[in-house]
Amino acid sequence: MINLLAAFILGIVQGITEWLPISSTAHMLIFDRFIRLEISQDARSFFFVVVQLGSILAVIVLYFKDLWPNTRAKWMMWAKIAVATVPLVGISLFWTDALEGRLQAMSVIALALIAYGVVFILVETIGRNRKPRIDSIYSVSFLDSLALGLFQSLSVIPGTSRSGSTIMGGRLLGLSRQTAAKFSFFMAIPAMAGASLLKVMDTGLAFNALEWAVIAVGCLTSFAVSLVVLKSLMDYVKSHTFVLFGIYRIVLAAALLLFL
């Protein structure tokens, strides 16, 4: 019962933080320090990757009409998303568990939270009155997509945030807040699905009934919460900047450093 409750709480954390530019990995690692899943190491590792599938499903359900490739423009959009995924795939080929383990130190996470928090505040403050160069996901070029993919690849460092990296990159490239956020959501589909597939191949899925129940609870909770967060974030950015998220990142990092 405790494991299921822990999975439910972690699913809520994942569903909230995956789409906000505040680093879901950082929050999941922090909460894992206090809410420990008492399951096998392989199952825990699988849980923390596959719980993201719930978040992906929420994007697909919420934006199905935009994602379904029934027009040339949508096929082109998917081609651009594929281009944006290339840099992350390239980095993943050289990524190792040992390197990932070293980067998951709380000091690294805190520094990444601060760095991106400061950048968010600067980018939004300096560009507050600048007219966006791109205000539609269909207007994003292949070169823009590649650049956004490079920004997305920065998210391999815990604390940076995949959505944070891509949204910030989008703002620097001249995308409107809504366009940057939406393209970031769509870029997450192949990136997170690919990570989940690799984890499936690595673990072999030899889990017991309790472990499968824990994984299912986490995924379903993440899905439900993500639906709410995705819609709320798009409503928020219509009339607000991302400065508040930058401030939150810095405050969270300060609390982490004090804790350490």
C-alpha atoms as a PDB file:
ATOM      1  CA  MET A   1       0.000   0.000   0.000  1.00  0.00           C
ATOM      2  CA  ILE A   2       2.873   2.355   0.851  1.00  0.00           C
ATOM      3  CA  ASN A   3       4.471   1.666  -2.532  1.00  0.00           C
ATOM      4  CA  LEU A   4       1.242   2.499  -4.359  1.00  0.00           C
ATOM      5  CA  LEU A   5       0.875   5.752  -2.403  1.00  0.00           C
ATOM      6  CA  ALA A   6       4.489   6.644  -3.204  1.00  0.00           C
ATOM      7  CA  ALA A   7       3.868   5.892  -6.907  1.00  0.00           C
ATOM      8  CA  PHE A   8       0.762   8.105  -6.819  1.00  0.00           C
ATOM      9  CA  ILE A   9       2.703  11.030  -5.307  1.00  0.00           C
ATOM     10  CA  LEU A  10       5.599  10.605  -7.733  1.00  0.00           C
ATOM     11  CA  GLY A  11       3.105  10.461 -10.608  1.00  0.00           C
ATOM     12  CA  ILE A  12       1.701  13.823  -9.505  1.00  0.00           C
ATOM     13  CA  VAL A  13       5.214  15.284  -9.329  1.00  0.00           C
ATOM     14  CA  GLN A  14       6.032  13.932 -12.798  1.00  0.00           C
ATOM     15  CA  GLY A  15       2.788  15.197 -14.311  1.00  0.00           C
ATOM     16  CA  ILE A  16       3.340  18.715 -12.956  1.00  0.00           C
ATOM     17  CA  THR A  17       7.059  19.150 -13.518  1.00  0.00           C
ATOM     18  CA  GLU A  18       7.485  17.444 -16.911  1.00  0.00           C
ATOM     19  CA  TRP A  19       5.819  20.293 -18.768  1.00  0.00           C
ATOM     20  CA  LEU A  20       6.757  23.250 -16.597  1.00  0.00           C
ATOM     21  CA  PRO A  21      10.319  24.515 -17.204  1.00  0.00           C
ATOM     22  CA  ILE A  22      11.463  23.574 -13.704  1.00  0.00           C
ATOM     23  CA  SER A  23      13.091  20.139 -14.295  1.00  0.00           C
ATOM     24  CA  SER A  24      11.068  16.986 -13.674  1.00  0.00           C
ATOM     25  CA  THR A  25      14.274  14.963 -13.157  1.00  0.00           C
ATOM     26  CA  ALA A  26      15.411  17.269 -10.365  1.00  0.00           C
ATOM     27  CA  HIS A  27      12.048  17.065  -8.605  1.00  0.00           C
ATOM     28  CA  MET A  28      11.784  13.289  -9.019  1.00  0.00           C
ATOM     29  CA  LEU A  29      15.286  12.802  -7.586  1.00  0.00           C
ATOM     30  CA  ILE A  30      14.506  15.119  -4.682  1.00  0.00           C
ATOM     31  CA  PHE A  31      11.207  13.419  -3.861  1.00  0.00           C
ATOM     32  CA  ASP A  32      12.873  10.025  -4.223  1.00  0.00           C
ATOM     33  CA  ARG A  33      15.091  10.963  -1.280  1.00  0.00           C
ATOM     34  CA  PHE A  34      12.031  11.183   0.952  1.00  0.00           C
ATOM     35  CA  ILE A  35       9.481   8.918  -0.776  1.00  0.00           C
ATOM     36  CA  ARG A  36      11.327   5.705  -1.504  1.00  0.00           C
ATOM     37  CA  LEU A  37       9.793   2.994  -3.677  1.00  0.00           C
ATOM     38  CA  GLU A  38      10.501  -0.344  -2.014  1.00  0.00           C
ATOM     39  CA  ILE A  39      10.837  -2.360  -5.203  1.00  0.00           C
ATOM     40  CA  SER A  40      13.771  -3.884  -7.092  1.00  0.00           C
ATOM     41  CA  GLN A  41      16.418  -1.601  -8.544  1.00  0.00           C
ATOM     42  CA  ASP A  42      15.485  -2.569 -12.109  1.00  0.00           C
ATOM     43  CA  ALA A  43      11.824  -1.807 -11.411  1.00  0.00           C
ATOM     44  CA  ARG A  44      12.701   1.559  -9.839  1.00  0.00           C
ATOM     45  CA  SER A  45      14.880   2.501 -12.790  1.00  0.00           C
ATOM     46  CA  PHE A  46      12.115   1.446 -15.170  1.00  0.00           C
ATOM     47  CA  PHE A  47       9.497   3.378 -13.189  1.00  0.00           C
ATOM     48  CA  PHE A  48      11.370   6.691 -13.349  1.00  0.00           C
ATOM     49  CA  VAL A  49      11.657   6.474 -17.132  1.00  0.00           C
ATOM     50  CA  VAL A  50       8.348   4.865 -18.089  1.00  0.00           C
ATOM     51  CA  VAL A  51       6.251   7.114 -15.823  1.00  0.00           C
ATOM     52  CA  GLN A  52       6.949   9.684 -18.525  1.00  0.00           C
ATOM     53  CA  LEU A  53       4.794   7.650 -20.922  1.00  0.00           C
ATOM     54  CA  GLY A  54       1.747   8.876 -19.043  1.00  0.00           C
ATOM     55  CA  SER A  55       2.829  12.435 -19.738  1.00  0.00           C
ATOM     56  CA  ILE A  56       3.386  11.657 -23.439  1.00  0.00           C
ATOM     57  CA  LEU A  57      -0.062  10.103 -23.742  1.00  0.00           C
ATOM     58  CA  ALA A  58      -1.556  13.286 -22.312  1.00  0.00           C
ATOM     59  CA  VAL A  59       0.058  15.328 -25.118  1.00  0.00           C
ATOM     60  CA  ILE A  60      -1.239  12.906 -27.750  1.00  0.00           C
ATOM     61  CA  VAL A  61      -4.782  12.978 -26.351  1.00  0.00           C
ATOM     62  CA  LEU A  62      -4.889  16.752 -25.876  1.00  0.00           C
ATOM     63  CA  TYR A  63      -3.345  17.631 -29.237  1.00  0.00           C
ATOM     64  CA  PHE A  64      -4.458  14.686 -31.351  1.00  0.00           C
ATOM     65  CA  LYS A  65      -5.945  16.892 -34.090  1.00  0.00           C
ATOM     66  CA  ASP A  66      -2.700  18.858 -34.367  1.00  0.00           C
ATOM     67  CA  LEU A  67      -0.559  15.726 -34.355  1.00  0.00           C
ATOM     68  CA  TRP A  68      -2.526  13.516 -36.750  1.00  0.00           C
ATOM     69  CA  PRO A  69      -0.644  13.849 -40.097  1.00  0.00           C
ATOM     70  CA  ASN A  70      -3.601  14.329 -42.436  1.00  0.00           C
ATOM     71  CA  THR A  71      -2.178  17.377 -44.237  1.00  0.00           C
ATOM     72  CA  ARG A  72       1.118  18.234 -45.886  1.00  0.00           C
ATOM     73  CA  ALA A  73       1.815  20.884 -43.240  1.00  0.00           C
ATOM     74  CA  LYS A  74       1.487  18.299 -40.475  1.00  0.00           C
ATOM     75  CA  TRP A  75       3.760  15.833 -42.292  1.00  0.00           C
ATOM     76  CA  MET A  76       6.317  18.624 -42.574  1.00  0.00           C
ATOM     77  CA  MET A  77       5.906  19.354 -38.871  1.00  0.00           C
ATOM     78  CA  TRP A  78       6.713  15.725 -38.041  1.00  0.00           C
ATOM     79  CA  ALA A  79       9.752  15.885 -40.326  1.00  0.00           C
ATOM     80  CA  LYS A  80      10.951  18.921 -38.373  1.00  0.00           C
ATOM     81  CA  ILE A  81      10.352  17.104 -35.069  1.00  0.00           C
ATOM     82  CA  ALA A  82      12.473  14.225 -36.422  1.00  0.00           C
ATOM     83  CA  VAL A  83      15.277  16.676 -37.232  1.00  0.00           C
ATOM     84  CA  ALA A  84      14.976  18.157 -33.733  1.00  0.00           C
ATOM     85  CA  THR A  85      15.407  14.673 -32.244  1.00  0.00           C
ATOM     86  CA  VAL A  86      18.724  13.959 -34.014  1.00  0.00           C
ATOM     87  CA  PRO A  87      21.054  15.831 -31.575  1.00  0.00           C
ATOM     88  CA  LEU A  88      19.566  14.035 -28.557  1.00  0.00           C
ATOM     89  CA  VAL A  89      19.940  10.652 -30.278  1.00  0.00           C
ATOM     90  CA  GLY A  90      23.561  11.472 -31.076  1.00  0.00           C
ATOM     91  CA  ILE A  91      24.357  12.340 -27.464  1.00  0.00           C
ATOM     92  CA  SER A  92      22.544   9.221 -26.213  1.00  0.00           C
ATOM     93  CA  LEU A  93      24.941   7.025 -28.207  1.00  0.00           C
ATOM     94  CA  PHE A  94      27.813   8.243 -26.029  1.00  0.00           C
ATOM     95  CA  TRP A  95      25.849   8.431 -22.785  1.00  0.00           C
ATOM     96  CA  THR A  96      26.707   5.979 -20.014  1.00  0.00           C
ATOM     97  CA  ASP A  97      25.071   5.057 -16.718  1.00  0.00           C
ATOM     98  CA  ALA A  98      28.274   6.060 -14.910  1.00  0.00           C
ATOM     99  CA  LEU A  99      28.190   9.560 -16.389  1.00  0.00           C
ATOM    100  CA  GLU A 100      24.494   9.887 -15.626  1.00  0.00           C
ATOM    101  CA  GLY A 101      25.109   8.835 -12.025  1.00  0.00           C
ATOM    102  CA  ARG A 102      27.795  11.479 -11.515  1.00  0.00           C
ATOM    103  CA  LEU A 103      25.588  14.220 -12.971  1.00  0.00           C
ATOM    104  CA  GLN A 104      22.730  13.333 -10.631  1.00  0.00           C
ATOM    105  CA  ALA A 105      24.589  14.820  -7.672  1.00  0.00           C
ATOM    106  CA  MET A 106      22.418  17.356  -5.874  1.00  0.00           C
ATOM    107  CA  SER A 107      25.096  20.045  -6.261  1.00  0.00           C
ATOM    108  CA  VAL A 108      25.002  19.635 -10.069  1.00  0.00           C
ATOM    109  CA  ILE A 109      21.204  19.812 -10.052  1.00  0.00           C
ATOM    110  CA  ALA A 110      21.215  22.964  -7.893  1.00  0.00           C
ATOM    111  CA  LEU A 111      23.729  24.723 -10.151  1.00  0.00           C
ATOM    112  CA  ALA A 112      21.708  23.819 -13.262  1.00  0.00           C
ATOM    113  CA  LEU A 113      18.531  25.110 -11.635  1.00  0.00           C
ATOM    114  CA  ILE A 114      20.200  28.436 -10.853  1.00  0.00           C
ATOM    115  CA  ALA A 115      21.852  28.829 -14.258  1.00  0.00           C
ATOM    116  CA  TYR A 116      18.668  28.229 -16.223  1.00  0.00           C
ATOM    117  CA  GLY A 117      16.631  30.289 -13.774  1.00  0.00           C
ATOM    118  CA  VAL A 118      18.870  33.302 -14.361  1.00  0.00           C
ATOM    119  CA  VAL A 119      18.797  32.773 -18.141  1.00  0.00           C
ATOM    120  CA  PHE A 120      15.004  32.548 -18.152  1.00  0.00           C
ATOM    121  CA  ILE A 121      14.700  35.840 -16.275  1.00  0.00           C
ATOM    122  CA  LEU A 122      17.202  37.581 -18.569  1.00  0.00           C
ATOM    123  CA  VAL A 123      15.691  36.243 -21.808  1.00  0.00           C
ATOM    124  CA  GLU A 124      12.147  37.192 -20.824  1.00  0.00           C
ATOM    125  CA  THR A 125      13.138  40.589 -19.420  1.00  0.00           C
ATOM    126  CA  ILE A 126      15.265  41.620 -22.398  1.00  0.00           C
ATOM    127  CA  GLY A 127      12.820  40.293 -24.999  1.00  0.00           C
ATOM    128  CA  ARG A 128       9.620  41.394 -23.273  1.00  0.00           C
ATOM    129  CA  ASN A 129       8.659  43.946 -25.927  1.00  0.00           C
ATOM    130  CA  ARG A 130      10.196  42.147 -28.909  1.00  0.00           C
ATOM    131  CA  LYS A 131       7.724  40.948 -31.521  1.00  0.00           C
ATOM    132  CA  PRO A 132       7.985  37.159 -32.070  1.00  0.00           C
ATOM    133  CA  ARG A 133       9.511  36.088 -35.379  1.00  0.00           C
ATOM    134  CA  ILE A 134       7.463  32.862 -35.402  1.00  0.00           C
ATOM    135  CA  ASP A 135       3.940  32.515 -34.003  1.00  0.00           C
ATOM    136  CA  SER A 136       2.928  29.107 -35.422  1.00  0.00           C
ATOM    137  CA  ILE A 137       4.465  25.655 -35.120  1.00  0.00           C
ATOM    138  CA  TYR A 138       4.061  25.252 -38.886  1.00  0.00           C
ATOM    139  CA  SER A 139       6.296  28.289 -39.451  1.00  0.00           C
ATOM    140  CA  VAL A 140       9.227  26.735 -37.583  1.00  0.00           C
ATOM    141  CA  SER A 141      11.953  26.016 -40.163  1.00  0.00           C
ATOM    142  CA  PHE A 142      14.180  22.935 -40.366  1.00  0.00           C
ATOM    143  CA  LEU A 143      17.123  25.048 -39.217  1.00  0.00           C
ATOM    144  CA  ASP A 144      15.086  26.272 -36.236  1.00  0.00           C
ATOM    145  CA  SER A 145      14.168  22.648 -35.499  1.00  0.00           C
ATOM    146  CA  LEU A 146      17.815  21.583 -35.477  1.00  0.00           C
ATOM    147  CA  ALA A 147      18.680  24.461 -33.158  1.00  0.00           C
ATOM    148  CA  LEU A 148      15.813  23.491 -30.838  1.00  0.00           C
ATOM    149  CA  GLY A 149      17.108  19.923 -30.910  1.00  0.00           C
ATOM    150  CA  LEU A 150      20.516  21.156 -29.739  1.00  0.00           C
ATOM    151  CA  PHE A 151      18.823  22.991 -26.879  1.00  0.00           C
ATOM    152  CA  GLN A 152      16.863  19.828 -26.047  1.00  0.00           C
ATOM    153  CA  SER A 153      20.094  17.828 -25.844  1.00  0.00           C
ATOM    154  CA  LEU A 154      21.182  20.049 -22.930  1.00  0.00           C
ATOM    155  CA  SER A 155      18.449  18.367 -20.877  1.00  0.00           C
ATOM    156  CA  VAL A 156      20.627  15.283 -20.343  1.00  0.00           C
ATOM    157  CA  ILE A 157      22.084  17.246 -17.418  1.00  0.00           C
ATOM    158  CA  PRO A 158      19.681  16.839 -14.458  1.00  0.00           C
ATOM    159  CA  GLY A 159      18.254  20.144 -13.306  1.00  0.00           C
ATOM    160  CA  THR A 160      18.208  21.782 -16.733  1.00  0.00           C
ATOM    161  CA  SER A 161      14.699  20.586 -17.735  1.00  0.00           C
ATOM    162  CA  ARG A 162      13.872  19.284 -21.208  1.00  0.00           C
ATOM    163  CA  SER A 163      10.912  21.631 -21.566  1.00  0.00           C
ATOM    164  CA  GLY A 164      12.957  24.436 -20.010  1.00  0.00           C
ATOM    165  CA  SER A 165      15.806  23.978 -22.490  1.00  0.00           C
ATOM    166  CA  THR A 166      13.549  23.867 -25.540  1.00  0.00           C
ATOM    167  CA  ILE A 167      11.254  26.698 -24.442  1.00  0.00           C
ATOM    168  CA  MET A 168      14.207  28.920 -23.598  1.00  0.00           C
ATOM    169  CA  GLY A 169      15.806  28.001 -26.935  1.00  0.00           C
ATOM    170  CA  GLY A 170      12.572  28.805 -28.708  1.00  0.00           C
ATOM    171  CA  ARG A 171      12.366  32.209 -27.081  1.00  0.00           C
ATOM    172  CA  LEU A 172      15.979  32.969 -28.067  1.00  0.00           C
ATOM    173  CA  LEU A 173      15.178  31.948 -31.653  1.00  0.00           C
ATOM    174  CA  GLY A 174      12.208  34.317 -31.771  1.00  0.00           C
ATOM    175  CA  LEU A 175       9.312  31.904 -31.205  1.00  0.00           C
ATOM    176  CA  SER A 176       6.264  33.194 -29.368  1.00  0.00           C
ATOM    177  CA  ARG A 177       5.737  31.728 -25.887  1.00  0.00           C
ATOM    178  CA  GLN A 178       2.793  29.609 -27.025  1.00  0.00           C
ATOM    179  CA  THR A 179       4.639  28.319 -30.088  1.00  0.00           C
ATOM    180  CA  ALA A 180       7.783  27.533 -28.091  1.00  0.00           C
ATOM    181  CA  ALA A 181       5.768  25.658 -25.473  1.00  0.00           C
ATOM    182  CA  LYS A 182       3.692  23.728 -28.016  1.00  0.00           C
ATOM    183  CA  PHE A 183       6.678  22.692 -30.150  1.00  0.00           C
ATOM    184  CA  SER A 184       8.439  21.638 -26.944  1.00  0.00           C
ATOM    185  CA  PHE A 185       5.481  19.383 -26.077  1.00  0.00           C
ATOM    186  CA  PHE A 186       5.570  17.744 -29.510  1.00  0.00           C
ATOM    187  CA  MET A 187       9.358  17.272 -29.427  1.00  0.00           C
ATOM    188  CA  ALA A 188       8.924  15.332 -26.201  1.00  0.00           C
ATOM    189  CA  ILE A 189       6.995  12.515 -27.890  1.00  0.00           C
ATOM    190  CA  PRO A 190       9.871  10.821 -29.782  1.00  0.00           C
ATOM    191  CA  ALA A 191      12.443  11.810 -27.157  1.00  0.00           C
ATOM    192  CA  MET A 192      10.603  10.307 -24.188  1.00  0.00           C
ATOM    193  CA  ALA A 193       9.177   7.358 -26.115  1.00  0.00           C
ATOM    194  CA  GLY A 194      12.693   6.479 -27.275  1.00  0.00           C
ATOM    195  CA  ALA A 195      14.070   6.651 -23.738  1.00  0.00           C
ATOM    196  CA  SER A 196      11.274   4.375 -22.526  1.00  0.00           C
ATOM    197  CA  LEU A 197      11.942   1.864 -25.327  1.00  0.00           C
ATOM    198  CA  LEU A 198      15.637   1.716 -24.459  1.00  0.00           C
ATOM    199  CA  LYS A 199      14.762   1.104 -20.813  1.00  0.00           C
ATOM    200  CA  VAL A 200      12.373  -1.699 -21.804  1.00  0.00           C
ATOM    201  CA  MET A 201      15.163  -3.363 -23.790  1.00  0.00           C
ATOM    202  CA  ASP A 202      17.572  -2.913 -20.887  1.00  0.00           C
ATOM    203  CA  THR A 203      15.406  -4.296 -18.080  1.00  0.00           C
ATOM    204  CA  GLY A 204      13.585  -7.121 -19.861  1.00  0.00           C
ATOM    205  CA  LEU A 205      10.314  -6.414 -17.967  1.00  0.00           C
ATOM    206  CA  ALA A 206      10.828  -9.226 -15.432  1.00  0.00           C
ATOM    207  CA  PHE A 207       8.763  -7.555 -12.701  1.00  0.00           C
ATOM    208  CA  ASN A 208       6.352  -9.010 -10.146  1.00  0.00           C
ATOM    209  CA  ALA A 209       2.682  -8.047  -9.786  1.00  0.00           C
ATOM    210  CA  LEU A 210       3.322  -5.360  -7.153  1.00  0.00           C
ATOM    211  CA  GLU A 211       5.999  -3.708  -9.262  1.00  0.00           C
ATOM    212  CA  TRP A 212       3.697  -3.638 -12.295  1.00  0.00           C
ATOM    213  CA  ALA A 213       0.954  -2.118 -10.129  1.00  0.00           C
ATOM    214  CA  VAL A 214       3.349   0.587  -8.908  1.00  0.00           C
ATOM    215  CA  ILE A 215       4.379   1.390 -12.495  1.00  0.00           C
ATOM    216  CA  ALA A 216       0.739   1.512 -13.644  1.00  0.00           C
ATOM    217  CA  VAL A 217      -0.319   3.840 -10.811  1.00  0.00           C
ATOM    218  CA  GLY A 218       2.562   6.197 -11.559  1.00  0.00           C
ATOM    219  CA  CYS A 219       1.804   6.300 -15.297  1.00  0.00           C
ATOM    220  CA  LEU A 220      -1.955   6.785 -14.905  1.00  0.00           C
ATOM    221  CA  THR A 221      -1.478   9.538 -12.320  1.00  0.00           C
ATOM    222  CA  SER A 222       1.094  11.270 -14.511  1.00  0.00           C
ATOM    223  CA  PHE A 223      -1.332  11.111 -17.446  1.00  0.00           C
ATOM    224  CA  ALA A 224      -4.248  12.655 -15.527  1.00  0.00           C
ATOM    225  CA  VAL A 225      -2.165  15.428 -13.967  1.00  0.00           C
ATOM    226  CA  SER A 226      -0.401  16.205 -17.271  1.00  0.00           C
ATOM    227  CA  LEU A 227      -3.748  16.838 -18.986  1.00  0.00           C
ATOM    228  CA  VAL A 228      -4.513  19.581 -16.482  1.00  0.00           C
ATOM    229  CA  VAL A 229      -1.010  21.066 -16.455  1.00  0.00           C
ATOM    230  CA  LEU A 230      -0.638  21.181 -20.251  1.00  0.00           C
ATOM    231  CA  LYS A 231      -3.878  23.099 -20.723  1.00  0.00           C
ATOM    232  CA  SER A 232      -3.174  25.385 -17.761  1.00  0.00           C
ATOM    233  CA  LEU A 233       0.322  26.232 -19.001  1.00  0.00           C
ATOM    234  CA  MET A 234      -0.934  27.171 -22.472  1.00  0.00           C
ATOM    235  CA  ASP A 235      -3.564  29.432 -20.886  1.00  0.00           C
ATOM    236  CA  TYR A 236      -0.912  30.930 -18.588  1.00  0.00           C
ATOM    237  CA  VAL A 237       1.591  31.866 -21.307  1.00  0.00           C
ATOM    238  CA  LYS A 238      -1.071  33.778 -23.267  1.00  0.00           C
ATOM    239  CA  SER A 239      -0.661  36.675 -20.853  1.00  0.00           C
ATOM    240  CA  HIS A 240       2.370  35.844 -18.657  1.00  0.00           C
ATOM    241  CA  THR A 241       6.126  35.462 -19.106  1.00  0.00           C
ATOM    242  CA  PHE A 242       8.303  32.593 -17.830  1.00  0.00           C
ATOM    243  CA  VAL A 243      10.015  34.840 -15.257  1.00  0.00           C
ATOM    244  CA  LEU A 244       8.095  33.251 -12.381  1.00  0.00           C
ATOM    245  CA  PHE A 245       9.523  29.838 -13.279  1.00  0.00           C
ATOM    246  CA  GLY A 246      13.026  31.311 -13.328  1.00  0.00           C
ATOM    247  CA  ILE A 247      12.527  32.695  -9.827  1.00  0.00           C
ATOM    248  CA  TYR A 248      11.139  29.359  -8.634  1.00  0.00           C
ATOM    249  CA  ARG A 249      14.204  27.526  -9.976  1.00  0.00           C
ATOM    250  CA  ILE A 250      16.571  29.830  -8.091  1.00  0.00           C
ATOM    251  CA  VAL A 251      14.610  29.541  -4.835  1.00  0.00           C
ATOM    252  CA  LEU A 252      14.490  25.732  -5.144  1.00  0.00           C
ATOM    253  CA  ALA A 253      18.245  25.609  -5.815  1.00  0.00           C
ATOM    254  CA  ALA A 254      18.955  27.803  -2.781  1.00  0.00           C
ATOM    255  CA  ALA A 255      16.854  25.475  -0.610  1.00  0.00           C
ATOM    256  CA  LEU A 256      18.735  22.460  -1.995  1.00  0.00           C
ATOM    257  CA  LEU A 257      22.138  24.016  -1.306  1.00  0.00           C
ATOM    258  CA  LEU A 258      21.081  24.877   2.243  1.00  0.00           C
ATOM    259  CA  PHE A 259      19.843  21.313   2.701  1.00  0.00           C
ATOM    260  CA  LEU A 260      23.141  19.935   1.411  1.00  0.00           C
END
